[in-house]
Structure formats: structure tokens, C-alpha cells
C-alpha atoms as a PDB file:
ATOM      1  CA  MET A   1       0.000   0.000   0.000  1.00  0.00           C
ATOM      2  CA  GLY A   2       2.839   2.371   0.721  1.00  0.00           C
ATOM      3  CA  PHE A   3       4.345   1.654  -2.689  1.00  0.00           C
ATOM      4  CA  ILE A   4       1.050   2.474  -4.418  1.00  0.00           C
ATOM      5  CA  ASP A   5       0.804   5.686  -2.397  1.00  0.00           C
ATOM      6  CA  SER A   6       4.271   6.753  -3.496  1.00  0.00           C
ATOM      7  CA  MET A   7       3.526   5.942  -7.157  1.00  0.00           C
ATOM      8  CA  ARG A   8       0.265   7.872  -7.034  1.00  0.00           C
ATOM      9  CA  ALA A   9       2.174  10.868  -5.670  1.00  0.00           C
ATOM     10  CA  GLU A  10       4.298  10.746  -8.830  1.00  0.00           C
ATOM     11  CA  GLY A  11       1.165  10.930 -11.023  1.00  0.00           C
ATOM     12  CA  HIS A  12       0.580   7.257 -11.940  1.00  0.00           C
ATOM     13  CA  ALA A  13      -2.931   5.807 -12.035  1.00  0.00           C
ATOM     14  CA  VAL A  14      -3.949   3.135  -9.531  1.00  0.00           C
ATOM     15  CA  GLU A  15      -5.028   0.692 -12.261  1.00  0.00           C
ATOM     16  CA  SER A  16      -1.685   0.870 -14.087  1.00  0.00           C
ATOM     17  CA  ILE A  17       0.248   0.482 -10.831  1.00  0.00           C
ATOM     18  CA  CYS A  18      -1.784  -2.609  -9.892  1.00  0.00           C
ATOM     19  CA  ARG A  19      -1.296  -4.084 -13.396  1.00  0.00           C
ATOM     20  CA  VAL A  20       2.496  -3.758 -13.101  1.00  0.00           C
ATOM     21  CA  LEU A  21       2.373  -5.285  -9.617  1.00  0.00           C
ATOM     22  CA  ARG A  22       0.373  -8.265 -10.909  1.00  0.00           C
ATOM     23  CA  GLU A  23       2.965  -8.804 -13.660  1.00  0.00           C
ATOM     24  CA  GLN A  24       5.613  -8.956 -10.919  1.00  0.00           C
ATOM     25  CA  GLY A  25       3.661 -11.551  -8.956  1.00  0.00           C
ATOM     26  CA  CYS A  26       2.007  -9.221  -6.416  1.00  0.00           C
ATOM     27  CA  ARG A  27      -1.723  -9.717  -7.026  1.00  0.00           C
ATOM     28  CA  ILE A  28      -3.756  -6.735  -5.802  1.00  0.00           C
ATOM     29  CA  ALA A  29      -6.875  -5.156  -7.310  1.00  0.00           C
ATOM     30  CA  ALA A  30      -7.446  -1.451  -7.617  1.00  0.00           C
ATOM     31  CA  ARG A  31     -10.704  -1.712  -5.660  1.00  0.00           C
ATOM     32  CA  THR A  32      -8.828  -3.470  -2.821  1.00  0.00           C
ATOM     33  CA  TYR A  33      -6.477  -0.509  -2.567  1.00  0.00           C
ATOM     34  CA  ARG A  34      -9.310   2.009  -2.701  1.00  0.00           C
ATOM     35  CA  SER A  35     -11.222   0.102  -0.005  1.00  0.00           C
ATOM     36  CA  TRP A  36      -8.159   0.159   2.257  1.00  0.00           C
ATOM     37  CA  PHE A  37      -7.497   3.832   1.473  1.00  0.00           C
ATOM     38  CA  THR A  38     -11.023   4.959   2.343  1.00  0.00           C
ATOM     39  CA  ARG A  39     -11.359   2.706   5.396  1.00  0.00           C
ATOM     40  CA  GLY A  40      -8.020   3.652   6.968  1.00  0.00           C
ATOM     41  CA  ALA A  41      -5.968   1.611   9.424  1.00  0.00           C
ATOM     42  CA  SER A  42      -7.736  -0.917  11.630  1.00  0.00           C
ATOM     43  CA  ALA A  43      -8.077  -0.509  15.387  1.00  0.00           C
ATOM     44  CA  ARG A  44      -5.634  -3.375  15.940  1.00  0.00           C
ATOM     45  CA  THR A  45      -3.031  -1.762  13.672  1.00  0.00           C
ATOM     46  CA  ILE A  46      -3.293   1.471  15.645  1.00  0.00           C
ATOM     47  CA  SER A  47      -3.148  -0.256  19.037  1.00  0.00           C
ATOM     48  CA  ASP A  48      -0.184  -2.376  17.932  1.00  0.00           C
ATOM     49  CA  ALA A  49       1.713   0.709  16.785  1.00  0.00           C
ATOM     50  CA  GLU A  50       0.975   2.408  20.104  1.00  0.00           C
ATOM     51  CA  ALA A  51       2.163  -0.682  21.990  1.00  0.00           C
ATOM     52  CA  VAL A  52       5.417  -0.797  19.997  1.00  0.00           C
ATOM     53  CA  ASP A  53       6.167   2.846  20.816  1.00  0.00           C
ATOM     54  CA  THR A  54       5.346   2.387  24.504  1.00  0.00           C
ATOM     55  CA  VAL A  55       7.346  -0.829  24.898  1.00  0.00           C
ATOM     56  CA  ARG A  56      10.312   0.763  23.132  1.00  0.00           C
ATOM     57  CA  ALA A  57      10.182   3.757  25.499  1.00  0.00           C
ATOM     58  CA  ALA A  58       9.961   1.468  28.546  1.00  0.00           C
ATOM     59  CA  ALA A  59      12.723  -0.905  27.483  1.00  0.00           C
ATOM     60  CA  TRP A  60      15.314   1.634  26.360  1.00  0.00           C
ATOM     61  CA  ALA A  61      16.241   4.697  28.421  1.00  0.00           C
ATOM     62  CA  GLU A  62      17.467   7.803  26.624  1.00  0.00           C
ATOM     63  CA  GLN A  63      20.956   8.949  27.623  1.00  0.00           C
ATOM     64  CA  VAL A  64      22.289  12.496  27.935  1.00  0.00           C
ATOM     65  CA  ASP A  65      24.009  12.278  24.548  1.00  0.00           C
ATOM     66  CA  GLY A  66      20.757  11.258  22.855  1.00  0.00           C
ATOM     67  CA  THR A  67      21.595   7.561  22.516  1.00  0.00           C
ATOM     68  CA  ARG A  68      19.463   4.850  24.069  1.00  0.00           C
ATOM     69  CA  LYS A  69      20.511   2.137  26.513  1.00  0.00           C
ATOM     70  CA  LEU A  70      18.605  -0.947  27.622  1.00  0.00           C
ATOM     71  CA  ALA A  71      16.729  -0.065  30.814  1.00  0.00           C
ATOM     72  CA  ALA A  72      16.036  -2.377  33.732  1.00  0.00           C
ATOM     73  CA  GLU A  73      12.442  -2.806  32.535  1.00  0.00           C
ATOM     74  CA  GLY A  74      13.873  -4.215  29.311  1.00  0.00           C
ATOM     75  CA  LEU A  75      14.629  -7.376  31.295  1.00  0.00           C
ATOM     76  CA  TYR A  76      10.911  -8.083  31.756  1.00  0.00           C
ATOM     77  CA  GLY A  77       9.125 -10.882  29.980  1.00  0.00           C
ATOM     78  CA  ARG A  78       5.720 -10.383  28.419  1.00  0.00           C
ATOM     79  CA  ARG A  79       3.695 -10.857  31.612  1.00  0.00           C
ATOM     80  CA  LYS A  80       5.599  -8.272  33.650  1.00  0.00           C
ATOM     81  CA  MET A  81       5.872  -5.881  30.721  1.00  0.00           C
ATOM     82  CA  VAL A  82       2.066  -5.897  30.478  1.00  0.00           C
ATOM     83  CA  ALA A  83       1.781  -5.214  34.208  1.00  0.00           C
ATOM     84  CA  HIS A  84       4.356  -2.409  33.971  1.00  0.00           C
ATOM     85  CA  LEU A  85       2.588  -0.684  31.072  1.00  0.00           C
ATOM     86  CA  ARG A  86      -0.804  -0.988  32.763  1.00  0.00           C
ATOM     87  CA  ARG A  87       0.626   0.652  35.892  1.00  0.00           C
ATOM     88  CA  THR A  88       2.308   3.500  34.039  1.00  0.00           C
ATOM     89  CA  THR A  89       1.225   4.496  30.521  1.00  0.00           C
ATOM     90  CA  LEU A  90      -1.323   2.119  28.902  1.00  0.00           C
ATOM     91  CA  PRO A  91      -3.943   0.912  31.424  1.00  0.00           C
ATOM     92  CA  THR A  92      -5.888  -1.045  28.775  1.00  0.00           C
ATOM     93  CA  VAL A  93      -3.032  -2.627  26.817  1.00  0.00           C
ATOM     94  CA  SER A  94      -3.597  -6.285  25.948  1.00  0.00           C
ATOM     95  CA  PHE A  95      -1.232  -9.236  26.295  1.00  0.00           C
ATOM     96  CA  GLY A  96      -1.465  -9.843  22.547  1.00  0.00           C
ATOM     97  CA  ALA A  97      -0.413  -6.306  21.661  1.00  0.00           C
ATOM     98  CA  VAL A  98       2.566  -6.433  24.032  1.00  0.00           C
ATOM     99  CA  ASP A  99       3.557  -9.880  22.760  1.00  0.00           C
ATOM    100  CA  ARG A 100       3.538  -8.683  19.157  1.00  0.00           C
ATOM    101  CA  ALA A 101       5.393  -5.490  20.087  1.00  0.00           C
ATOM    102  CA  MET A 102       8.143  -7.373  21.911  1.00  0.00           C
ATOM    103  CA  ARG A 103       8.558  -9.767  18.996  1.00  0.00           C
ATOM    104  CA  THR A 104       8.749  -6.801  16.611  1.00  0.00           C
ATOM    105  CA  LEU A 105      11.418  -5.130  18.772  1.00  0.00           C
ATOM    106  CA  GLY A 106      13.329  -8.372  19.387  1.00  0.00           C
ATOM    107  CA  LEU A 107      12.782  -8.210  23.162  1.00  0.00           C
ATOM    108  CA  GLU A 108      12.744 -11.285  25.346  1.00  0.00           C
ATOM    109  CA  GLY A 109      12.755 -11.662  29.121  1.00  0.00           C
ATOM    110  CA  VAL A 110      16.049 -12.795  30.606  1.00  0.00           C
ATOM    111  CA  ARG A 111      16.315 -16.428  31.659  1.00  0.00           C
ATOM    112  CA  ARG A 112      18.211 -17.846  34.573  1.00  0.00           C
ATOM    113  CA  GLY A 113      21.214 -20.107  34.275  1.00  0.00           C
ATOM    114  CA  LYS A 114      22.586 -22.782  36.578  1.00  0.00           C
ATOM    115  CA  ALA A 115      25.105 -21.838  39.265  1.00  0.00           C
ATOM    116  CA  PRO A 116      27.623 -24.003  41.115  1.00  0.00           C
ATOM    117  CA  ARG A 117      27.205 -24.841  44.778  1.00  0.00           C
ATOM    118  CA  THR A 118      28.849 -22.394  47.191  1.00  0.00           C
ATOM    119  CA  THR A 119      27.555 -23.677  50.544  1.00  0.00           C
ATOM    120  CA  VAL A 120      30.245 -25.497  52.518  1.00  0.00           C
ATOM    121  CA  PRO A 121      28.829 -26.983  55.744  1.00  0.00           C
ATOM    122  CA  ALA A 122      30.960 -26.866  58.857  1.00  0.00           C
ATOM    123  CA  LYS A 123      32.367 -30.227  59.939  1.00  0.00           C
ATOM    124  CA  ASN A 124      30.789 -31.456  63.189  1.00  0.00           C
ATOM    125  CA  GLY A 125      29.381 -27.970  63.758  1.00  0.00           C
ATOM    126  CA  LYS A 126      26.353 -27.434  65.984  1.00  0.00           C
ATOM    127  CA  ARG A 127      23.554 -25.673  64.229  1.00  0.00           C
ATOM    128  CA  ALA A 128      20.007 -24.524  64.889  1.00  0.00           C
ATOM    129  CA  GLY A 129      16.979 -26.416  63.674  1.00  0.00           C
ATOM    130  CA  ASP A 130      14.828 -25.556  60.670  1.00  0.00           C
ATOM    131  CA  LEU A 131      12.023 -23.347  61.991  1.00  0.00           C
ATOM    132  CA  LEU A 132      10.479 -22.544  58.606  1.00  0.00           C
ATOM    133  CA  ASN A 133      10.013 -26.015  57.124  1.00  0.00           C
ATOM    134  CA  ARG A 134       9.970 -24.475  53.630  1.00  0.00           C
ATOM    135  CA  ASP A 135       7.163 -22.059  54.551  1.00  0.00           C
ATOM    136  CA  PHE A 136       8.477 -18.774  53.115  1.00  0.00           C
ATOM    137  CA  THR A 137       5.635 -16.547  54.260  1.00  0.00           C
ATOM    138  CA  ALA A 138       5.328 -13.986  57.035  1.00  0.00           C
ATOM    139  CA  PRO A 139       2.330 -12.105  58.505  1.00  0.00           C
ATOM    140  CA  ALA A 140       4.223  -8.792  58.695  1.00  0.00           C
ATOM    141  CA  PRO A 141       7.671  -7.236  58.139  1.00  0.00           C
ATOM    142  CA  ASN A 142      10.443  -8.109  60.593  1.00  0.00           C
ATOM    143  CA  ARG A 143       9.137 -11.606  61.260  1.00  0.00           C
ATOM    144  CA  VAL A 144      11.243 -13.798  58.958  1.00  0.00           C
ATOM    145  CA  TRP A 145      14.558 -12.867  57.378  1.00  0.00           C
ATOM    146  CA  ILE A 146      16.366 -15.179  54.981  1.00  0.00           C
ATOM    147  CA  THR A 147      20.016 -14.878  54.034  1.00  0.00           C
ATOM    148  CA  ASP A 148      22.555 -16.396  51.687  1.00  0.00           C
ATOM    149  CA  PHE A 149      25.437 -15.357  49.446  1.00  0.00           C
ATOM    150  CA  THR A 150      26.472 -15.998  45.867  1.00  0.00           C
ATOM    151  CA  TYR A 151      29.585 -15.429  43.772  1.00  0.00           C
ATOM    152  CA  CYS A 152      30.491 -13.203  40.813  1.00  0.00           C
ATOM    153  CA  ARG A 153      33.474 -13.546  38.483  1.00  0.00           C
ATOM    154  CA  THR A 154      35.702 -10.492  37.954  1.00  0.00           C
ATOM    155  CA  TRP A 155      39.052  -9.943  36.258  1.00  0.00           C
ATOM    156  CA  ALA A 156      40.654  -9.719  39.706  1.00  0.00           C
ATOM    157  CA  GLY A 157      39.102 -12.985  40.917  1.00  0.00           C
ATOM    158  CA  PHE A 158      35.888 -14.071  42.607  1.00  0.00           C
ATOM    159  CA  THR A 159      33.673 -11.611  44.477  1.00  0.00           C
ATOM    160  CA  TYR A 160      31.023 -12.859  46.902  1.00  0.00           C
ATOM    161  CA  VAL A 161      27.778 -10.962  47.568  1.00  0.00           C
ATOM    162  CA  ALA A 162      25.619 -11.707  50.626  1.00  0.00           C
ATOM    163  CA  PHE A 163      21.972 -10.650  50.958  1.00  0.00           C
ATOM    164  CA  ILE A 164      19.386 -10.485  53.736  1.00  0.00           C
ATOM    165  CA  VAL A 165      15.761 -10.469  52.582  1.00  0.00           C
ATOM    166  CA  ASP A 166      12.611  -9.790  54.589  1.00  0.00           C
ATOM    167  CA  VAL A 167      10.204 -12.567  53.579  1.00  0.00           C
ATOM    168  CA  PHE A 168       6.992 -10.537  53.977  1.00  0.00           C
ATOM    169  CA  ALA A 169       7.595  -8.303  50.942  1.00  0.00           C
ATOM    170  CA  GLN A 170      10.768 -10.003  49.651  1.00  0.00           C
ATOM    171  CA  ARG A 171      12.595  -6.738  50.305  1.00  0.00           C
ATOM    172  CA  ILE A 172      16.395  -6.747  50.423  1.00  0.00           C
ATOM    173  CA  VAL A 173      17.204  -5.142  53.779  1.00  0.00           C
ATOM    174  CA  GLY A 174      20.974  -5.661  53.712  1.00  0.00           C
ATOM    175  CA  TRP A 175      23.771  -6.724  51.372  1.00  0.00           C
ATOM    176  CA  HIS A 176      27.563  -6.784  51.286  1.00  0.00           C
ATOM    177  CA  ALA A 177      30.287  -7.724  48.789  1.00  0.00           C
ATOM    178  CA  ALA A 178      33.701  -9.180  49.683  1.00  0.00           C
ATOM    179  CA  THR A 179      36.541 -11.063  48.032  1.00  0.00           C
ATOM    180  CA  SER A 180      36.560 -13.930  50.556  1.00  0.00           C
ATOM    181  CA  MET A 181      33.970 -16.177  52.173  1.00  0.00           C
ATOM    182  CA  THR A 182      34.732 -15.254  55.785  1.00  0.00           C
ATOM    183  CA  THR A 183      32.257 -14.662  58.597  1.00  0.00           C
ATOM    184  CA  ASP A 184      32.416 -10.903  57.965  1.00  0.00           C
ATOM    185  CA  LEU A 185      30.734 -11.540  54.594  1.00  0.00           C
ATOM    186  CA  VAL A 186      27.497 -12.426  56.435  1.00  0.00           C
ATOM    187  CA  MET A 187      28.007 -10.239  59.519  1.00  0.00           C
ATOM    188  CA  VAL A 188      28.090  -6.916  57.651  1.00  0.00           C
ATOM    189  CA  PRO A 189      24.672  -7.273  55.921  1.00  0.00           C
ATOM    190  CA  LEU A 190      23.176  -8.286  59.277  1.00  0.00           C
ATOM    191  CA  ARG A 191      24.401  -5.041  60.860  1.00  0.00           C
ATOM    192  CA  ILE A 192      23.165  -3.079  57.828  1.00  0.00           C
ATOM    193  CA  ALA A 193      19.722  -4.685  58.043  1.00  0.00           C
ATOM    194  CA  LEU A 194      19.413  -3.846  61.746  1.00  0.00           C
ATOM    195  CA  TRP A 195      20.513  -0.255  61.134  1.00  0.00           C
ATOM    196  CA  ASP A 196      18.260   0.206  58.103  1.00  0.00           C
ATOM    197  CA  ARG A 197      15.139  -1.079  59.861  1.00  0.00           C
ATOM    198  CA  GLU A 198      15.731   1.254  62.800  1.00  0.00           C
ATOM    199  CA  ARG A 199      16.440   4.169  60.433  1.00  0.00           C
ATOM    200  CA  GLN A 200      13.085   3.567  58.733  1.00  0.00           C
ATOM    201  CA  GLY A 201      11.310   3.611  62.090  1.00  0.00           C
ATOM    202  CA  GLN A 202      10.582  -0.131  61.934  1.00  0.00           C
ATOM    203  CA  PRO A 203      12.545  -1.674  64.846  1.00  0.00           C
ATOM    204  CA  PHE A 204      11.518  -5.014  66.298  1.00  0.00           C
ATOM    205  CA  ASP A 205      11.357  -6.638  69.721  1.00  0.00           C
ATOM    206  CA  ALA A 206      13.687  -9.392  70.911  1.00  0.00           C
ATOM    207  CA  GLY A 207      12.533 -12.821  69.791  1.00  0.00           C
ATOM    208  CA  GLN A 208      10.340 -11.387  67.030  1.00  0.00           C
ATOM    209  CA  VAL A 209      12.590 -12.119  64.034  1.00  0.00           C
ATOM    210  CA  VAL A 210      13.654 -15.529  62.729  1.00  0.00           C
ATOM    211  CA  ALA A 211      16.840 -15.453  60.618  1.00  0.00           C
ATOM    212  CA  HIS A 212      16.920 -18.445  58.274  1.00  0.00           C
ATOM    213  CA  SER A 213      19.991 -19.569  56.336  1.00  0.00           C
ATOM    214  CA  ASP A 214      21.627 -22.655  54.915  1.00  0.00           C
ATOM    215  CA  ALA A 215      24.170 -24.782  56.768  1.00  0.00           C
ATOM    216  CA  GLY A 216      27.238 -22.901  55.557  1.00  0.00           C
ATOM    217  CA  SER A 217      30.109 -22.544  57.985  1.00  0.00           C
ATOM    218  CA  GLN A 218      29.685 -18.750  58.034  1.00  0.00           C
ATOM    219  CA  TYR A 219      26.157 -19.073  59.427  1.00  0.00           C
ATOM    220  CA  THR A 220      27.130 -21.647  62.067  1.00  0.00           C
ATOM    221  CA  SER A 221      30.159 -19.691  63.281  1.00  0.00           C
ATOM    222  CA  ILE A 222      30.361 -18.535  66.889  1.00  0.00           C
ATOM    223  CA  ARG A 223      30.604 -14.847  65.944  1.00  0.00           C
ATOM    224  CA  TYR A 224      27.474 -14.927  63.804  1.00  0.00           C
ATOM    225  CA  THR A 225      25.331 -16.945  66.212  1.00  0.00           C
ATOM    226  CA  ASN A 226      26.441 -14.811  69.182  1.00  0.00           C
ATOM    227  CA  HIS A 227      25.503 -11.633  67.304  1.00  0.00           C
ATOM    228  CA  LEU A 228      22.059 -13.059  66.573  1.00  0.00           C
ATOM    229  CA  ALA A 229      21.626 -13.824  70.256  1.00  0.00           C
ATOM    230  CA  LEU A 230      22.705 -10.310  71.295  1.00  0.00           C
ATOM    231  CA  GLU A 231      20.154  -8.768  68.929  1.00  0.00           C
ATOM    232  CA  GLY A 232      17.365 -11.115  70.037  1.00  0.00           C
ATOM    233  CA  ILE A 233      17.095 -12.848  66.668  1.00  0.00           C
ATOM    234  CA  THR A 234      16.181 -16.531  66.555  1.00  0.00           C
ATOM    235  CA  PRO A 235      18.399 -18.585  64.212  1.00  0.00           C
ATOM    236  CA  SER A 236      17.033 -21.168  61.779  1.00  0.00           C
ATOM    237  CA  ILE A 237      19.120 -23.371  59.483  1.00  0.00           C
ATOM    238  CA  GLY A 238      18.003 -25.714  56.717  1.00  0.00           C
ATOM    239  CA  SER A 239      19.303 -29.200  56.104  1.00  0.00           C
ATOM    240  CA  VAL A 240      22.694 -29.836  54.502  1.00  0.00           C
ATOM    241  CA  GLY A 241      22.796 -29.969  50.696  1.00  0.00           C
ATOM    242  CA  ASP A 242      19.100 -29.174  50.259  1.00  0.00           C
ATOM    243  CA  ALA A 243      18.440 -25.986  48.262  1.00  0.00           C
ATOM    244  CA  TYR A 244      14.688 -26.252  48.829  1.00  0.00           C
ATOM    245  CA  ASP A 245      15.129 -25.459  52.520  1.00  0.00           C
ATOM    246  CA  ASN A 246      16.226 -21.956  51.475  1.00  0.00           C
ATOM    247  CA  ALA A 247      14.424 -21.874  48.143  1.00  0.00           C
ATOM    248  CA  LEU A 248      13.258 -18.254  48.225  1.00  0.00           C
ATOM    249  CA  MET A 249      16.768 -16.972  48.856  1.00  0.00           C
ATOM    250  CA  GLU A 250      18.142 -19.212  46.113  1.00  0.00           C
ATOM    251  CA  SER A 251      15.529 -17.723  43.772  1.00  0.00           C
ATOM    252  CA  ILE A 252      16.574 -14.156  44.617  1.00  0.00           C
ATOM    253  CA  ASN A 253      20.239 -15.068  44.135  1.00  0.00           C
ATOM    254  CA  GLY A 254      19.257 -16.363  40.713  1.00  0.00           C
ATOM    255  CA  LEU A 255      17.495 -13.098  39.909  1.00  0.00           C
ATOM    256  CA  PHE A 256      20.598 -11.157  40.931  1.00  0.00           C
ATOM    257  CA  LYS A 257      22.869 -13.233  38.707  1.00  0.00           C
ATOM    258  CA  THR A 258      20.434 -13.103  35.758  1.00  0.00           C
ATOM    259  CA  GLU A 259      19.305  -9.477  35.877  1.00  0.00           C
ATOM    260  CA  CYS A 260      22.415  -7.780  37.251  1.00  0.00           C
ATOM    261  CA  MET A 261      25.544  -9.803  36.555  1.00  0.00           C
ATOM    262  CA  ARG A 262      24.643 -11.203  33.129  1.00  0.00           C
ATOM    263  CA  THR A 263      23.369  -7.975  31.562  1.00  0.00           C
ATOM    264  CA  SER A 264      24.827  -4.543  30.860  1.00  0.00           C
ATOM    265  CA  VAL A 265      21.889  -2.669  32.391  1.00  0.00           C
ATOM    266  CA  PHE A 266      23.504  -1.882  35.740  1.00  0.00           C
ATOM    267  CA  HIS A 267      27.146  -1.869  34.635  1.00  0.00           C
ATOM    268  CA  GLU A 268      28.611  -1.350  31.182  1.00  0.00           C
ATOM    269  CA  GLY A 269      31.554  -3.498  30.194  1.00  0.00           C
ATOM    270  CA  PRO A 270      33.189  -6.360  32.090  1.00  0.00           C
ATOM    271  CA  PHE A 271      33.426  -6.606  35.869  1.00  0.00           C
ATOM    272  CA  LYS A 272      37.081  -5.934  36.607  1.00  0.00           C
ATOM    273  CA  THR A 273      37.163  -5.491  40.391  1.00  0.00           C
ATOM    274  CA  ILE A 274      34.944  -5.719  43.441  1.00  0.00           C
ATOM    275  CA  GLY A 275      34.145  -2.016  42.971  1.00  0.00           C
ATOM    276  CA  ASP A 276      32.374  -2.792  39.691  1.00  0.00           C
ATOM    277  CA  VAL A 277      30.308  -5.489  41.409  1.00  0.00           C
ATOM    278  CA  GLU A 278      29.366  -3.135  44.255  1.00  0.00           C
ATOM    279  CA  PHE A 279      28.331  -0.407  41.808  1.00  0.00           C
ATOM    280  CA  ALA A 280      26.119  -2.776  39.816  1.00  0.00           C
ATOM    281  CA  THR A 281      24.650  -4.419  42.919  1.00  0.00           C
ATOM    282  CA  ALA A 282      23.695  -1.057  44.439  1.00  0.00           C
ATOM    283  CA  GLY A 283      21.798  -0.110  41.277  1.00  0.00           C
ATOM    284  CA  TRP A 284      20.076  -3.489  41.056  1.00  0.00           C
ATOM    285  CA  VAL A 285      19.028  -3.520  44.732  1.00  0.00           C
ATOM    286  CA  ASP A 286      17.558  -0.014  44.383  1.00  0.00           C
ATOM    287  CA  TRP A 287      15.572  -1.101  41.316  1.00  0.00           C
ATOM    288  CA  TYR A 288      14.585  -4.431  42.906  1.00  0.00           C
ATOM    289  CA  ASN A 289      13.231  -2.812  46.082  1.00  0.00           C
ATOM    290  CA  ASN A 290      11.613   0.314  44.669  1.00  0.00           C
ATOM    291  CA  ARG A 291      10.534  -0.324  41.072  1.00  0.00           C
ATOM    292  CA  ARG A 292      10.768  -3.973  40.035  1.00  0.00           C
ATOM    293  CA  LEU A 293       7.354  -5.648  39.741  1.00  0.00           C
ATOM    294  CA  HIS A 294       6.977  -8.929  41.663  1.00  0.00           C
ATOM    295  CA  SER A 295       4.314 -11.382  40.518  1.00  0.00           C
ATOM    296  CA  SER A 296       4.058 -12.934  44.001  1.00  0.00           C
ATOM    297  CA  LEU A 297       3.196  -9.483  45.426  1.00  0.00           C
ATOM    298  CA  GLY A 298       0.455  -8.671  42.936  1.00  0.00           C
ATOM    299  CA  MET A 299       2.791  -6.922  40.475  1.00  0.00           C
ATOM    300  CA  VAL A 300       3.986  -4.209  42.887  1.00  0.00           C
ATOM    301  CA  PRO A 301       7.511  -3.483  44.211  1.00  0.00           C
ATOM    302  CA  PRO A 302       8.515  -4.637  47.727  1.00  0.00           C
ATOM    303  CA  VAL A 303       8.720  -1.111  49.172  1.00  0.00           C
ATOM    304  CA  GLU A 304       5.225  -0.296  47.934  1.00  0.00           C
ATOM    305  CA  PHE A 305       3.921  -3.589  49.334  1.00  0.00           C
ATOM    306  CA  GLU A 306       5.324  -2.741  52.776  1.00  0.00           C
ATOM    307  CA  GLN A 307       3.947   0.795  52.627  1.00  0.00           C
ATOM    308  CA  VAL A 308       0.455  -0.540  51.930  1.00  0.00           C
ATOM    309  CA  HIS A 309       0.801  -2.855  54.950  1.00  0.00           C
ATOM    310  CA  TYR A 310       1.837  -0.067  57.332  1.00  0.00           C
ATOM    311  CA  ALA A 311      -0.803   2.304  55.933  1.00  0.00           C
ATOM    312  CA  ALA A 312      -3.504  -0.258  56.725  1.00  0.00           C
ATOM    313  CA  LEU A 313      -2.347  -0.368  60.362  1.00  0.00           C
ATOM    314  CA  LYS A 314      -2.965   3.356  60.874  1.00  0.00           C
ATOM    315  CA  ALA A 315      -6.408   4.017  62.280  1.00  0.00           C
ATOM    316  CA  GLU A 316      -8.465   6.494  60.314  1.00  0.00           C
ATOM    317  CA  PRO A 317      -9.843   9.466  62.305  1.00  0.00           C
ATOM    318  CA  GLN A 318     -13.428   8.892  63.340  1.00  0.00           C
ATOM    319  CA  PRO A 319     -16.086  11.635  63.202  1.00  0.00           C
ATOM    320  CA  VAL A 320     -16.937  13.174  66.550  1.00  0.00           C
END
């Protein structure tokens, strides 16, 4: 149709243009063109074009120099991209329109890969029992914290990143990167989590929080367990060699490796030193907590999910 439009602009008749097209194997009648010309584009064509423009704007962020870079939302698959667009720009966009737009733009949600085992249980070490029994739910914030660490390859060697996550909203409340798997790797995020919760005005009473981890030697060390006791946190440790006993934390570690370490969204170029890993992790954690949509939370970010919880606890003023 565009070719016929351009030929008509040069003064050729529709019938002669269609005759030449038929001779070249493109069978189209003049009345078909005129019907399309008078009717205009279909509603689906218009909605698909709008979806392509909106998905492109969401997936690529414009830089200062005018170029575009893949944004964090460009990591979404079709389901989360639909939820993101409905929350922000296109409340009535359909799954089909987004699916076609992403295929047109060559977008595809990132997929996780397999990671080697990093948990090394302490030999003959005493450890706490499993208080969760694979139940990764909590009635409110500051009830269940889960923790684990993963590794990242850099030019200077391995870097290890430890996280602490509040189960209620799956919010990362503390993290730390180090070049060795010592007890300090898991102690620092614990101190950060305690400080951050108090800074937000959300402290907790002794015995209120359960801190669940795997059976790694860092989590069964005397320093770590003593610090938990001093803060009034109850320890919980899963069974040895069983990833399901800390499945939610393993899932978040997988998200970190897939969305942060294996893309160039949060850090351009290779990871050379621990500083590069820290820079990328800080950006990912900020996006994860404040803007990333979570399907298990009803397609809202963790911070927003917590805010809704605390807002519901505030009593509304009653009329006198």
C-alpha cells in the first residue's frame, strides 16, 4: 500500500500500478487498494503501533548524549511488561499487543542459568533447627529474614555478595560484597539490616525475628550466632545440601545473577574489580526494592507492598 501511495504521488494511475504489480507476482486489485485507502488503518493496527512505541520507550532509556541504553524494565518478559505498562502508561493494553510489540522489537525476558554450589557446611558444627520447614511466608515485616550469598566472576578474581531479605515483601534489607567467604561476609549485611530497619522507624522486639539460612560454615560460626543472640534474633538453618530449605533466597540469588551480573543494564563493560560489582549491585538492589514488579506481590515493588501494609495499620480518624 505504501508503494502504491508513493507511485500515485508521482502521477501514476492506480489501475496501471496494480497491473504492473500483478505482472511482478504481487496480485492486488485497484478496488482493494481504494477500499483500504477509504477505510483507513484498523483498530488493531493502531493499538499495535501504540504498543510498539510504549514498549520501546519502557525498554530503552534515553541517555544524555541522545543515545538509548537498555533499561532495567527491558529485562521483563511479556507478563511483567504488560503489568508495567498498565501501571504506568497504557492501562488497557492487551497481552497480545505487548507480545507482538516485543517480537517486533526483538525483546525477550532474561532467563536464569545454573550456578555451582557455594555452601560449605561446617564439619561437626552445631547448628540450629529448621524453623520454617519451607514455609516462606510472614504475617508482617520483621518476622522472617532469609540470608545467603552468591559469587560473581571479575578480572581480579571471585567476588562474593551476601543478601538479607525480609520474607513478607521479599525486600532486600541488607547486602555486602567481599573477596573472601569469611564470617564478615554475612556479619556486615546483618548489621546493615538492623541499622536500616531502625532508620526507617521499623525496629523489632527481641525474639520477634527468625533469621533463616543454609548450613554454611559462616552461618554456624560462633561470631554470627552470638551476634544473633545479642540482637534477640532466633536462628534457623536448613538441612545440609538441600536448596529447597532456602528456596526463596536461592531464587533471589538467581534473579541477581540473571538481571544484574549477566546484563549490561547496571554496569557497562566487564566486571574488573569488586568495585564494579558493588556499583552494579547497588543499582540493582535499588531497582529491585523500589521499582521492580513482583508477581508474588500482585505486580507491585517490595517497598510499595510494605507501605500498603503499614498504611492499613494506621487508624483512620473517626467523626466526633
